[in-house]
Amino acid sequence: MISIVKAVLDYKPPNPALNFPDDLGLLPVAVLGWSVLHFILFYCVFTYIADLFFPKSKTTAVKSLKGKVLTNDQQRHKLYIACWKFTHFLILAIVGVCIVAKEDWTFSIPKYFENYPNQPMSYLMKIYFNMQIGGYIYACLLIPFEPKQNKRDILALVVHHAVTITLIWLAYTQSFQRSGTIVAVLHDISDPIMEFAKIILYAGYNKLADAIFALFALSFIVTRNFIFPYTLVEMEKYCRWPDNSYIPTNNILIFMQGLFLTLELLHIYWGYLIVQMAFKAYADNGVSDDIRNVDGKKKKVQ
C-alpha cells in the first residue's frame, strides 16, 4: 500500500507542460464543479423554465404514434435533462472556441506537433481539458437518470463516454494538447444545438424546433463525419519525428488511433439515425424529441 502511494506521489506526466499534482488535481475539482453548477441551475433556473412550459397545475400530454402518454412529471424531467446538457455543451463550446480563436496553430495542422513534446500550455487550456474530462465523468454518473432507452443506445453512449474520456486524458498527458483541443471543439459545436432544439420542441414551437434540428443535423454531419476524419488523416501525416518515425515512439499512438476509429464508427451510426430522423420529420411534418426514441417512432407535442 505504501509503495502504491509513493508511486502516485512520484508520478510525473509525460507532458512537460504539466505540473503534478497541481494540474492533474484540477480533475476532481472539475467533477465537483459540474455537479454544483447542475444543482444550482436545477433549483434556480430549470425548475422555473419547467413551470413555464409544464405548470404542475395543468395536465399536458405528449403522445407517440404508439399512443404512449408522457405525464407532466416525465415531460419536466426530459426538459431538465435537455436544459442541463445544453448548458454543459454550450460552456465547453464557448471555452474551446475562445482558446483556438487566439492561437496561431489552429488552422495549421503541421503546427499541432511543432516542437513536440515541449509545447506551451496556457492555464485556460489546462482548465478546459479538466472541464472536458470532468464533464464526461459526471455525464457517466447521470446515465441512469436519462429517459428510457434501449440497450443498444445505452451501450453506444457508455462506449462514447469511455472512449472520449480516455482520448482527452491521453491528449492532456501525452503532449497532444493542440490536436486534442481541435478534436474537442469539433465535437462540441453541434451538441448544444441539438439540446436547444429539444428545449424548443418541449416548449411547443414545433416549426422552430424543425429549423434548429436541421441546423444541428448539418453541423453534426459536417463536423463529425467530414471535418473530423479529414483532420485525423491529415494529422497522421505530420505526427512524426524528423526521421519520419511516428510521435510518440511507443504504442500509445496506435491505441489512440483505435479509439478514434471507434469514435468515428459511433459518429456514422448516429449520423445514420439523424438522417433517418430527418426523413421521418419531412414525412410526418415534425421532428421527434430524440434520435434514440425507445419505440423508434416520432413523439410530437400535441
C-alpha atoms as a PDB file:
ATOM      1  CA  MET A   1       0.000   0.000   0.000  1.00  0.00           C
ATOM      2  CA  ILE A   2       2.812   2.384   0.906  1.00  0.00           C
ATOM      3  CA  SER A   3       4.577   1.613  -2.367  1.00  0.00           C
ATOM      4  CA  ILE A   4       1.396   2.440  -4.322  1.00  0.00           C
ATOM      5  CA  VAL A   5       1.009   5.785  -2.549  1.00  0.00           C
ATOM      6  CA  LYS A   6       4.678   6.551  -3.174  1.00  0.00           C
ATOM      7  CA  ALA A   7       4.308   5.684  -6.865  1.00  0.00           C
ATOM      8  CA  VAL A   8       1.332   8.031  -7.156  1.00  0.00           C
ATOM      9  CA  LEU A   9       3.172  10.861  -5.415  1.00  0.00           C
ATOM     10  CA  ASP A  10       6.266  10.336  -7.581  1.00  0.00           C
ATOM     11  CA  TYR A  11       4.275  10.192 -10.831  1.00  0.00           C
ATOM     12  CA  LYS A  12       5.392  12.639 -13.496  1.00  0.00           C
ATOM     13  CA  PRO A  13       3.129  13.092 -16.542  1.00  0.00           C
ATOM     14  CA  PRO A  14       4.895  12.740 -19.926  1.00  0.00           C
ATOM     15  CA  ASN A  15       3.673  16.233 -20.861  1.00  0.00           C
ATOM     16  CA  PRO A  16       6.429  18.685 -19.766  1.00  0.00           C
ATOM     17  CA  ALA A  17       3.852  21.489 -19.603  1.00  0.00           C
ATOM     18  CA  LEU A  18       2.045  19.796 -16.707  1.00  0.00           C
ATOM     19  CA  ASN A  19       2.911  20.087 -13.041  1.00  0.00           C
ATOM     20  CA  PHE A  20       1.883  17.195 -10.819  1.00  0.00           C
ATOM     21  CA  PRO A  21      -0.148  17.107  -8.661  1.00  0.00           C
ATOM     22  CA  ASP A  22      -1.404  20.672  -9.172  1.00  0.00           C
ATOM     23  CA  ASP A  23      -2.551  20.438 -12.806  1.00  0.00           C
ATOM     24  CA  LEU A  24      -3.891  16.889 -12.592  1.00  0.00           C
ATOM     25  CA  GLY A  25      -5.521  17.779  -9.300  1.00  0.00           C
ATOM     26  CA  LEU A  26      -7.905  20.047 -11.198  1.00  0.00           C
ATOM     27  CA  LEU A  27      -9.886  16.994 -12.315  1.00  0.00           C
ATOM     28  CA  PRO A  28     -11.791  16.265  -9.064  1.00  0.00           C
ATOM     29  CA  VAL A  29     -12.428  19.995  -8.771  1.00  0.00           C
ATOM     30  CA  ALA A  30     -13.936  19.944 -12.275  1.00  0.00           C
ATOM     31  CA  VAL A  31     -16.237  16.995 -11.485  1.00  0.00           C
ATOM     32  CA  LEU A  32     -17.381  18.696  -8.290  1.00  0.00           C
ATOM     33  CA  GLY A  33     -17.781  21.999 -10.132  1.00  0.00           C
ATOM     34  CA  TRP A  34     -20.095  20.483 -12.752  1.00  0.00           C
ATOM     35  CA  SER A  35     -22.216  18.830 -10.064  1.00  0.00           C
ATOM     36  CA  VAL A  36     -22.502  22.046  -8.034  1.00  0.00           C
ATOM     37  CA  LEU A  37     -23.385  24.061 -11.136  1.00  0.00           C
ATOM     38  CA  HIS A  38     -26.014  21.476 -12.079  1.00  0.00           C
ATOM     39  CA  PHE A  39     -27.523  21.619  -8.583  1.00  0.00           C
ATOM     40  CA  ILE A  40     -27.678  25.423  -8.577  1.00  0.00           C
ATOM     41  CA  LEU A  41     -29.158  25.705 -12.063  1.00  0.00           C
ATOM     42  CA  PHE A  42     -31.690  22.968 -11.373  1.00  0.00           C
ATOM     43  CA  TYR A  43     -33.234  24.778  -8.420  1.00  0.00           C
ATOM     44  CA  CYS A  44     -32.651  28.371  -9.554  1.00  0.00           C
ATOM     45  CA  VAL A  45     -33.331  28.194 -13.305  1.00  0.00           C
ATOM     46  CA  PHE A  46     -34.512  24.858 -14.716  1.00  0.00           C
ATOM     47  CA  THR A  47     -37.463  24.423 -12.348  1.00  0.00           C
ATOM     48  CA  TYR A  48     -38.781  27.864 -13.323  1.00  0.00           C
ATOM     49  CA  ILE A  49     -38.432  27.025 -17.013  1.00  0.00           C
ATOM     50  CA  ALA A  50     -40.328  23.783 -16.399  1.00  0.00           C
ATOM     51  CA  ASP A  51     -43.057  25.674 -14.528  1.00  0.00           C
ATOM     52  CA  LEU A  52     -43.379  27.981 -17.522  1.00  0.00           C
ATOM     53  CA  PHE A  53     -43.827  25.195 -20.077  1.00  0.00           C
ATOM     54  CA  PHE A  54     -45.347  22.446 -17.900  1.00  0.00           C
ATOM     55  CA  PRO A  55     -47.033  24.003 -14.846  1.00  0.00           C
ATOM     56  CA  LYS A  56     -47.889  21.465 -12.190  1.00  0.00           C
ATOM     57  CA  SER A  57     -51.431  22.821 -12.013  1.00  0.00           C
ATOM     58  CA  LYS A  58     -52.130  21.716 -15.580  1.00  0.00           C
ATOM     59  CA  THR A  59     -52.234  18.311 -17.197  1.00  0.00           C
ATOM     60  CA  THR A  60     -50.458  18.219 -20.542  1.00  0.00           C
ATOM     61  CA  ALA A  61     -49.505  15.213 -22.624  1.00  0.00           C
ATOM     62  CA  VAL A  62     -47.024  14.206 -25.267  1.00  0.00           C
ATOM     63  CA  LYS A  63     -48.114  11.228 -27.328  1.00  0.00           C
ATOM     64  CA  SER A  64     -46.103   8.898 -29.503  1.00  0.00           C
ATOM     65  CA  LEU A  65     -47.562   7.237 -32.552  1.00  0.00           C
ATOM     66  CA  LYS A  66     -47.968   4.120 -30.416  1.00  0.00           C
ATOM     67  CA  GLY A  67     -50.244   6.034 -28.080  1.00  0.00           C
ATOM     68  CA  LYS A  68     -47.881   6.265 -25.114  1.00  0.00           C
ATOM     69  CA  VAL A  69     -48.593   9.336 -22.998  1.00  0.00           C
ATOM     70  CA  LEU A  70     -45.876  11.117 -21.063  1.00  0.00           C
ATOM     71  CA  THR A  71     -47.024  12.516 -17.738  1.00  0.00           C
ATOM     72  CA  ASN A  72     -46.382  16.092 -16.712  1.00  0.00           C
ATOM     73  CA  ASP A  73     -43.552  14.965 -14.404  1.00  0.00           C
ATOM     74  CA  GLN A  74     -41.964  12.936 -17.211  1.00  0.00           C
ATOM     75  CA  GLN A  75     -42.062  15.947 -19.508  1.00  0.00           C
ATOM     76  CA  ARG A  76     -40.490  18.128 -16.824  1.00  0.00           C
ATOM     77  CA  HIS A  77     -37.763  15.526 -16.300  1.00  0.00           C
ATOM     78  CA  LYS A  78     -36.917  15.457 -20.004  1.00  0.00           C
ATOM     79  CA  LEU A  79     -36.806  19.250 -20.045  1.00  0.00           C
ATOM     80  CA  TYR A  80     -34.461  19.323 -17.035  1.00  0.00           C
ATOM     81  CA  ILE A  81     -32.046  16.980 -18.837  1.00  0.00           C
ATOM     82  CA  ALA A  82     -32.169  18.970 -22.090  1.00  0.00           C
ATOM     83  CA  CYS A  83     -31.552  22.247 -20.242  1.00  0.00           C
ATOM     84  CA  TRP A  84     -28.561  20.825 -18.378  1.00  0.00           C
ATOM     85  CA  LYS A  85     -26.998  19.254 -21.456  1.00  0.00           C
ATOM     86  CA  PHE A  86     -27.472  22.469 -23.400  1.00  0.00           C
ATOM     87  CA  THR A  87     -25.730  24.441 -20.637  1.00  0.00           C
ATOM     88  CA  HIS A  88     -22.935  21.884 -20.286  1.00  0.00           C
ATOM     89  CA  PHE A  89     -22.161  21.646 -24.003  1.00  0.00           C
ATOM     90  CA  LEU A  90     -22.517  25.392 -24.570  1.00  0.00           C
ATOM     91  CA  ILE A  91     -19.970  26.187 -21.846  1.00  0.00           C
ATOM     92  CA  LEU A  92     -17.475  23.719 -23.300  1.00  0.00           C
ATOM     93  CA  ALA A  93     -18.033  25.045 -26.824  1.00  0.00           C
ATOM     94  CA  ILE A  94     -17.516  28.675 -25.765  1.00  0.00           C
ATOM     95  CA  VAL A  95     -14.338  27.923 -23.787  1.00  0.00           C
ATOM     96  CA  GLY A  96     -12.934  25.783 -26.605  1.00  0.00           C
ATOM     97  CA  VAL A  97     -13.624  28.424 -29.270  1.00  0.00           C
ATOM     98  CA  CYS A  98     -12.062  31.121 -27.068  1.00  0.00           C
ATOM     99  CA  ILE A  99      -8.872  29.036 -26.821  1.00  0.00           C
ATOM    100  CA  VAL A 100      -8.449  28.211 -30.513  1.00  0.00           C
ATOM    101  CA  ALA A 101      -9.520  31.701 -31.654  1.00  0.00           C
ATOM    102  CA  LYS A 102      -6.333  33.292 -30.320  1.00  0.00           C
ATOM    103  CA  GLU A 103      -3.844  30.580 -31.322  1.00  0.00           C
ATOM    104  CA  ASP A 104      -1.750  30.759 -34.492  1.00  0.00           C
ATOM    105  CA  TRP A 105      -1.714  26.963 -34.907  1.00  0.00           C
ATOM    106  CA  THR A 106      -5.487  26.459 -35.120  1.00  0.00           C
ATOM    107  CA  PHE A 107      -5.701  26.169 -38.911  1.00  0.00           C
ATOM    108  CA  SER A 108      -2.206  24.776 -39.457  1.00  0.00           C
ATOM    109  CA  ILE A 109      -2.131  21.039 -38.797  1.00  0.00           C
ATOM    110  CA  PRO A 110       1.704  20.756 -39.064  1.00  0.00           C
ATOM    111  CA  LYS A 111       1.969  23.147 -36.098  1.00  0.00           C
ATOM    112  CA  TYR A 112      -0.028  20.735 -33.926  1.00  0.00           C
ATOM    113  CA  PHE A 113       3.187  18.736 -33.473  1.00  0.00           C
ATOM    114  CA  GLU A 114       5.751  21.525 -33.776  1.00  0.00           C
ATOM    115  CA  ASN A 115       8.426  21.301 -31.033  1.00  0.00           C
ATOM    116  CA  TYR A 116       6.724  18.188 -29.612  1.00  0.00           C
ATOM    117  CA  PRO A 117       6.611  17.472 -26.692  1.00  0.00           C
ATOM    118  CA  ASN A 118       7.785  20.883 -25.483  1.00  0.00           C
ATOM    119  CA  GLN A 119       4.709  22.921 -26.303  1.00  0.00           C
ATOM    120  CA  PRO A 120       3.430  25.690 -24.023  1.00  0.00           C
ATOM    121  CA  MET A 121       0.041  25.153 -22.418  1.00  0.00           C
ATOM    122  CA  SER A 122      -1.962  28.043 -21.054  1.00  0.00           C
ATOM    123  CA  TYR A 123      -3.748  27.696 -17.740  1.00  0.00           C
ATOM    124  CA  LEU A 124      -7.071  28.170 -19.553  1.00  0.00           C
ATOM    125  CA  MET A 125      -6.270  25.184 -21.753  1.00  0.00           C
ATOM    126  CA  LYS A 126      -5.468  23.099 -18.665  1.00  0.00           C
ATOM    127  CA  ILE A 127      -8.801  24.108 -17.168  1.00  0.00           C
ATOM    128  CA  TYR A 128     -10.514  23.256 -20.467  1.00  0.00           C
ATOM    129  CA  PHE A 129      -9.115  19.725 -20.560  1.00  0.00           C
ATOM    130  CA  ASN A 130     -10.134  19.107 -16.962  1.00  0.00           C
ATOM    131  CA  MET A 131     -13.589  20.542 -17.682  1.00  0.00           C
ATOM    132  CA  GLN A 132     -13.907  18.109 -20.591  1.00  0.00           C
ATOM    133  CA  ILE A 133     -12.811  15.035 -18.630  1.00  0.00           C
ATOM    134  CA  GLY A 134     -14.737  16.050 -15.508  1.00  0.00           C
ATOM    135  CA  GLY A 135     -17.836  16.802 -17.564  1.00  0.00           C
ATOM    136  CA  TYR A 136     -17.890  13.378 -19.183  1.00  0.00           C
ATOM    137  CA  ILE A 137     -17.217  11.635 -15.876  1.00  0.00           C
ATOM    138  CA  TYR A 138     -20.188  13.499 -14.427  1.00  0.00           C
ATOM    139  CA  ALA A 139     -22.236  12.615 -17.535  1.00  0.00           C
ATOM    140  CA  CYS A 140     -21.487   8.930 -16.886  1.00  0.00           C
ATOM    141  CA  LEU A 141     -22.930   9.316 -13.397  1.00  0.00           C
ATOM    142  CA  LEU A 142     -26.117  10.788 -14.901  1.00  0.00           C
ATOM    143  CA  ILE A 143     -26.734   7.991 -17.426  1.00  0.00           C
ATOM    144  CA  PRO A 144     -29.060   6.050 -15.056  1.00  0.00           C
ATOM    145  CA  PHE A 145     -31.277   9.164 -14.870  1.00  0.00           C
ATOM    146  CA  GLU A 146     -31.606   9.521 -18.658  1.00  0.00           C
ATOM    147  CA  PRO A 147     -35.010   8.895 -20.270  1.00  0.00           C
ATOM    148  CA  LYS A 148     -35.555   5.212 -21.026  1.00  0.00           C
ATOM    149  CA  GLN A 149     -33.503   3.938 -23.956  1.00  0.00           C
ATOM    150  CA  ASN A 150     -32.899   0.537 -25.473  1.00  0.00           C
ATOM    151  CA  LYS A 151     -29.785  -1.418 -24.504  1.00  0.00           C
ATOM    152  CA  ARG A 152     -28.037  -0.761 -27.823  1.00  0.00           C
ATOM    153  CA  ASP A 153     -28.229   3.012 -27.396  1.00  0.00           C
ATOM    154  CA  ILE A 154     -27.157   2.873 -23.761  1.00  0.00           C
ATOM    155  CA  LEU A 155     -24.141   0.771 -24.773  1.00  0.00           C
ATOM    156  CA  ALA A 156     -23.258   3.254 -27.531  1.00  0.00           C
ATOM    157  CA  LEU A 157     -23.486   6.137 -25.039  1.00  0.00           C
ATOM    158  CA  VAL A 158     -21.300   4.371 -22.460  1.00  0.00           C
ATOM    159  CA  VAL A 159     -18.702   3.425 -25.090  1.00  0.00           C
ATOM    160  CA  HIS A 160     -18.671   7.000 -26.401  1.00  0.00           C
ATOM    161  CA  HIS A 161     -18.112   8.495 -22.951  1.00  0.00           C
ATOM    162  CA  ALA A 162     -15.404   5.955 -22.058  1.00  0.00           C
ATOM    163  CA  VAL A 163     -13.561   6.497 -25.363  1.00  0.00           C
ATOM    164  CA  THR A 164     -13.874  10.275 -25.085  1.00  0.00           C
ATOM    165  CA  ILE A 165     -12.547  10.380 -21.521  1.00  0.00           C
ATOM    166  CA  THR A 166      -9.592   8.175 -22.473  1.00  0.00           C
ATOM    167  CA  LEU A 167      -8.725  10.221 -25.575  1.00  0.00           C
ATOM    168  CA  ILE A 168      -8.919  13.566 -23.777  1.00  0.00           C
ATOM    169  CA  TRP A 169      -6.807  12.223 -20.909  1.00  0.00           C
ATOM    170  CA  LEU A 170      -4.148  10.904 -23.313  1.00  0.00           C
ATOM    171  CA  ALA A 171      -4.116  14.158 -25.269  1.00  0.00           C
ATOM    172  CA  TYR A 172      -3.710  16.068 -21.994  1.00  0.00           C
ATOM    173  CA  THR A 173      -0.913  13.937 -20.534  1.00  0.00           C
ATOM    174  CA  GLN A 174       0.926  12.928 -23.745  1.00  0.00           C
ATOM    175  CA  SER A 175       1.527  16.470 -25.073  1.00  0.00           C
ATOM    176  CA  PHE A 176      -1.183  16.296 -27.742  1.00  0.00           C
ATOM    177  CA  GLN A 177      -2.951  19.343 -26.321  1.00  0.00           C
ATOM    178  CA  ARG A 178      -3.175  21.182 -29.644  1.00  0.00           C
ATOM    179  CA  SER A 179      -4.702  18.362 -31.673  1.00  0.00           C
ATOM    180  CA  GLY A 180      -6.783  17.337 -28.643  1.00  0.00           C
ATOM    181  CA  THR A 181      -8.266  20.822 -28.348  1.00  0.00           C
ATOM    182  CA  ILE A 182      -9.200  20.890 -32.040  1.00  0.00           C
ATOM    183  CA  VAL A 183     -10.876  17.476 -31.835  1.00  0.00           C
ATOM    184  CA  ALA A 184     -12.796  18.503 -28.706  1.00  0.00           C
ATOM    185  CA  VAL A 185     -14.019  21.755 -30.289  1.00  0.00           C
ATOM    186  CA  LEU A 186     -15.201  19.881 -33.398  1.00  0.00           C
ATOM    187  CA  HIS A 187     -17.307  17.653 -31.161  1.00  0.00           C
ATOM    188  CA  ASP A 188     -18.682  20.489 -29.032  1.00  0.00           C
ATOM    189  CA  ILE A 189     -20.097  22.596 -31.862  1.00  0.00           C
ATOM    190  CA  SER A 190     -23.192  20.537 -32.708  1.00  0.00           C
ATOM    191  CA  ASP A 191     -24.191  19.229 -29.257  1.00  0.00           C
ATOM    192  CA  PRO A 192     -25.732  22.438 -27.798  1.00  0.00           C
ATOM    193  CA  ILE A 193     -27.745  22.932 -30.987  1.00  0.00           C
ATOM    194  CA  MET A 194     -29.415  19.533 -30.556  1.00  0.00           C
ATOM    195  CA  GLU A 195     -30.265  20.162 -26.915  1.00  0.00           C
ATOM    196  CA  PHE A 196     -31.630  23.614 -27.751  1.00  0.00           C
ATOM    197  CA  ALA A 197     -33.847  22.044 -30.427  1.00  0.00           C
ATOM    198  CA  LYS A 198     -35.244  19.685 -27.764  1.00  0.00           C
ATOM    199  CA  ILE A 199     -35.998  22.573 -25.421  1.00  0.00           C
ATOM    200  CA  ILE A 200     -37.824  24.443 -28.173  1.00  0.00           C
ATOM    201  CA  LEU A 201     -39.749  21.277 -29.090  1.00  0.00           C
ATOM    202  CA  TYR A 202     -40.828  20.714 -25.475  1.00  0.00           C
ATOM    203  CA  ALA A 203     -41.964  24.348 -25.374  1.00  0.00           C
ATOM    204  CA  GLY A 204     -44.365  23.561 -28.208  1.00  0.00           C
ATOM    205  CA  TYR A 205     -42.691  25.518 -31.009  1.00  0.00           C
ATOM    206  CA  ASN A 206     -42.542  22.635 -33.471  1.00  0.00           C
ATOM    207  CA  LYS A 207     -41.686  24.584 -36.615  1.00  0.00           C
ATOM    208  CA  LEU A 208     -38.828  26.419 -34.926  1.00  0.00           C
ATOM    209  CA  ALA A 209     -37.604  23.110 -33.491  1.00  0.00           C
ATOM    210  CA  ASP A 210     -37.596  21.675 -37.027  1.00  0.00           C
ATOM    211  CA  ALA A 211     -35.366  24.513 -38.245  1.00  0.00           C
ATOM    212  CA  ILE A 212     -32.947  24.182 -35.318  1.00  0.00           C
ATOM    213  CA  PHE A 213     -32.824  20.403 -35.773  1.00  0.00           C
ATOM    214  CA  ALA A 214     -31.928  20.914 -39.454  1.00  0.00           C
ATOM    215  CA  LEU A 215     -29.052  23.164 -38.338  1.00  0.00           C
ATOM    216  CA  PHE A 216     -27.950  20.507 -35.850  1.00  0.00           C
ATOM    217  CA  ALA A 217     -28.083  17.738 -38.470  1.00  0.00           C
ATOM    218  CA  LEU A 218     -25.975  19.807 -40.861  1.00  0.00           C
ATOM    219  CA  SER A 219     -23.404  20.751 -38.205  1.00  0.00           C
ATOM    220  CA  PHE A 220     -23.151  17.190 -36.855  1.00  0.00           C
ATOM    221  CA  ILE A 221     -22.633  15.551 -40.235  1.00  0.00           C
ATOM    222  CA  VAL A 222     -20.189  18.205 -41.481  1.00  0.00           C
ATOM    223  CA  THR A 223     -18.037  18.385 -38.317  1.00  0.00           C
ATOM    224  CA  ARG A 224     -18.079  14.737 -37.238  1.00  0.00           C
ATOM    225  CA  ASN A 225     -18.414  12.809 -40.483  1.00  0.00           C
ATOM    226  CA  PHE A 226     -16.311  15.014 -42.771  1.00  0.00           C
ATOM    227  CA  ILE A 227     -14.046  17.520 -40.985  1.00  0.00           C
ATOM    228  CA  PHE A 228     -13.181  15.175 -38.094  1.00  0.00           C
ATOM    229  CA  PRO A 229     -11.992  12.184 -40.186  1.00  0.00           C
ATOM    230  CA  TYR A 230     -10.225  14.533 -42.636  1.00  0.00           C
ATOM    231  CA  THR A 231      -8.380  16.164 -39.728  1.00  0.00           C
ATOM    232  CA  LEU A 232      -7.343  12.756 -38.379  1.00  0.00           C
ATOM    233  CA  VAL A 233      -5.928  11.700 -41.747  1.00  0.00           C
ATOM    234  CA  GLU A 234      -4.014  14.961 -42.085  1.00  0.00           C
ATOM    235  CA  MET A 235      -2.682  14.767 -38.515  1.00  0.00           C
ATOM    236  CA  GLU A 236      -1.351  11.277 -39.202  1.00  0.00           C
ATOM    237  CA  LYS A 237       0.848  12.759 -41.955  1.00  0.00           C
ATOM    238  CA  TYR A 238       2.539  15.243 -39.631  1.00  0.00           C
ATOM    239  CA  CYS A 239       2.601  13.276 -36.364  1.00  0.00           C
ATOM    240  CA  ARG A 240       6.231  12.272 -36.977  1.00  0.00           C
ATOM    241  CA  TRP A 241       9.762  12.919 -35.783  1.00  0.00           C
ATOM    242  CA  PRO A 242      12.382  14.348 -38.190  1.00  0.00           C
ATOM    243  CA  ASP A 243      13.433  10.766 -39.085  1.00  0.00           C
ATOM    244  CA  ASN A 244       9.795  10.137 -40.199  1.00  0.00           C
ATOM    245  CA  SER A 245       9.010   7.809 -37.273  1.00  0.00           C
ATOM    246  CA  TYR A 246       5.705   8.329 -35.504  1.00  0.00           C
ATOM    247  CA  ILE A 247       5.208  10.548 -32.461  1.00  0.00           C
ATOM    248  CA  PRO A 248       5.406   9.149 -29.844  1.00  0.00           C
ATOM    249  CA  THR A 249       7.603   6.116 -30.436  1.00  0.00           C
ATOM    250  CA  ASN A 250       5.604   3.807 -28.127  1.00  0.00           C
ATOM    251  CA  ASN A 251       2.247   2.140 -28.824  1.00  0.00           C
ATOM    252  CA  ILE A 252       0.140   4.980 -27.422  1.00  0.00           C
ATOM    253  CA  LEU A 253      -0.478   6.447 -30.879  1.00  0.00           C
ATOM    254  CA  ILE A 254      -1.752   3.082 -32.185  1.00  0.00           C
ATOM    255  CA  PHE A 255      -4.055   2.826 -29.182  1.00  0.00           C
ATOM    256  CA  MET A 256      -5.348   6.357 -29.774  1.00  0.00           C
ATOM    257  CA  GLN A 257      -5.949   5.617 -33.466  1.00  0.00           C
ATOM    258  CA  GLY A 258      -8.078   2.639 -32.433  1.00  0.00           C
ATOM    259  CA  LEU A 259     -10.095   4.877 -30.115  1.00  0.00           C
ATOM    260  CA  PHE A 260     -10.534   7.485 -32.858  1.00  0.00           C
ATOM    261  CA  LEU A 261     -11.797   4.772 -35.197  1.00  0.00           C
ATOM    262  CA  THR A 262     -14.302   3.651 -32.550  1.00  0.00           C
ATOM    263  CA  LEU A 263     -15.448   7.239 -32.143  1.00  0.00           C
ATOM    264  CA  GLU A 264     -15.941   7.688 -35.880  1.00  0.00           C
ATOM    265  CA  LEU A 265     -17.954   4.463 -36.110  1.00  0.00           C
ATOM    266  CA  LEU A 266     -20.267   5.906 -33.461  1.00  0.00           C
ATOM    267  CA  HIS A 267     -20.486   9.114 -35.485  1.00  0.00           C
ATOM    268  CA  ILE A 268     -21.509   7.129 -38.559  1.00  0.00           C
ATOM    269  CA  TYR A 269     -24.130   5.258 -36.526  1.00  0.00           C
ATOM    270  CA  TRP A 270     -25.575   8.447 -35.039  1.00  0.00           C
ATOM    271  CA  GLY A 271     -25.313  10.212 -38.385  1.00  0.00           C
ATOM    272  CA  TYR A 272     -27.431   7.444 -39.900  1.00  0.00           C
ATOM    273  CA  LEU A 273     -30.048   7.902 -37.155  1.00  0.00           C
ATOM    274  CA  ILE A 274     -30.062  11.669 -37.730  1.00  0.00           C
ATOM    275  CA  VAL A 275     -30.599  11.290 -41.476  1.00  0.00           C
ATOM    276  CA  GLN A 276     -33.314   8.696 -40.812  1.00  0.00           C
ATOM    277  CA  MET A 277     -34.972  11.063 -38.361  1.00  0.00           C
ATOM    278  CA  ALA A 278     -34.767  13.921 -40.867  1.00  0.00           C
ATOM    279  CA  PHE A 279     -36.619  11.863 -43.488  1.00  0.00           C
ATOM    280  CA  LYS A 280     -39.254  10.905 -40.913  1.00  0.00           C
ATOM    281  CA  ALA A 281     -39.616  14.554 -39.909  1.00  0.00           C
ATOM    282  CA  TYR A 282     -40.157  15.511 -43.549  1.00  0.00           C
ATOM    283  CA  ALA A 283     -42.782  12.798 -43.945  1.00  0.00           C
ATOM    284  CA  ASP A 284     -44.519  13.457 -40.615  1.00  0.00           C
ATOM    285  CA  ASN A 285     -44.162  17.256 -40.510  1.00  0.00           C
ATOM    286  CA  GLY A 286     -42.106  17.458 -37.353  1.00  0.00           C
ATOM    287  CA  VAL A 287     -39.039  16.172 -35.516  1.00  0.00           C
ATOM    288  CA  SER A 288     -39.103  13.849 -32.521  1.00  0.00           C
ATOM    289  CA  ASP A 289     -37.604  14.677 -29.162  1.00  0.00           C
ATOM    290  CA  ASP A 290     -34.555  12.447 -29.608  1.00  0.00           C
ATOM    291  CA  ILE A 291     -32.747  10.472 -32.295  1.00  0.00           C
ATOM    292  CA  ARG A 292     -32.853   7.451 -29.978  1.00  0.00           C
ATOM    293  CA  ASN A 293     -36.555   7.052 -29.204  1.00  0.00           C
ATOM    294  CA  VAL A 294     -37.346   3.768 -27.497  1.00  0.00           C
ATOM    295  CA  ASP A 295     -40.165   2.844 -29.847  1.00  0.00           C
ATOM    296  CA  GLY A 296     -38.427   4.183 -32.944  1.00  0.00           C
ATOM    297  CA  LYS A 297     -41.411   6.415 -33.611  1.00  0.00           C
ATOM    298  CA  LYS A 298     -41.819  10.152 -33.642  1.00  0.00           C
ATOM    299  CA  LYS A 299     -43.039  11.867 -30.497  1.00  0.00           C
ATOM    300  CA  LYS A 300     -44.655  15.206 -31.160  1.00  0.00           C
ATOM    301  CA  VAL A 301     -46.031  17.845 -28.867  1.00  0.00           C
ATOM    302  CA  GLN A 302     -49.795  17.882 -29.252  1.00  0.00           C
END
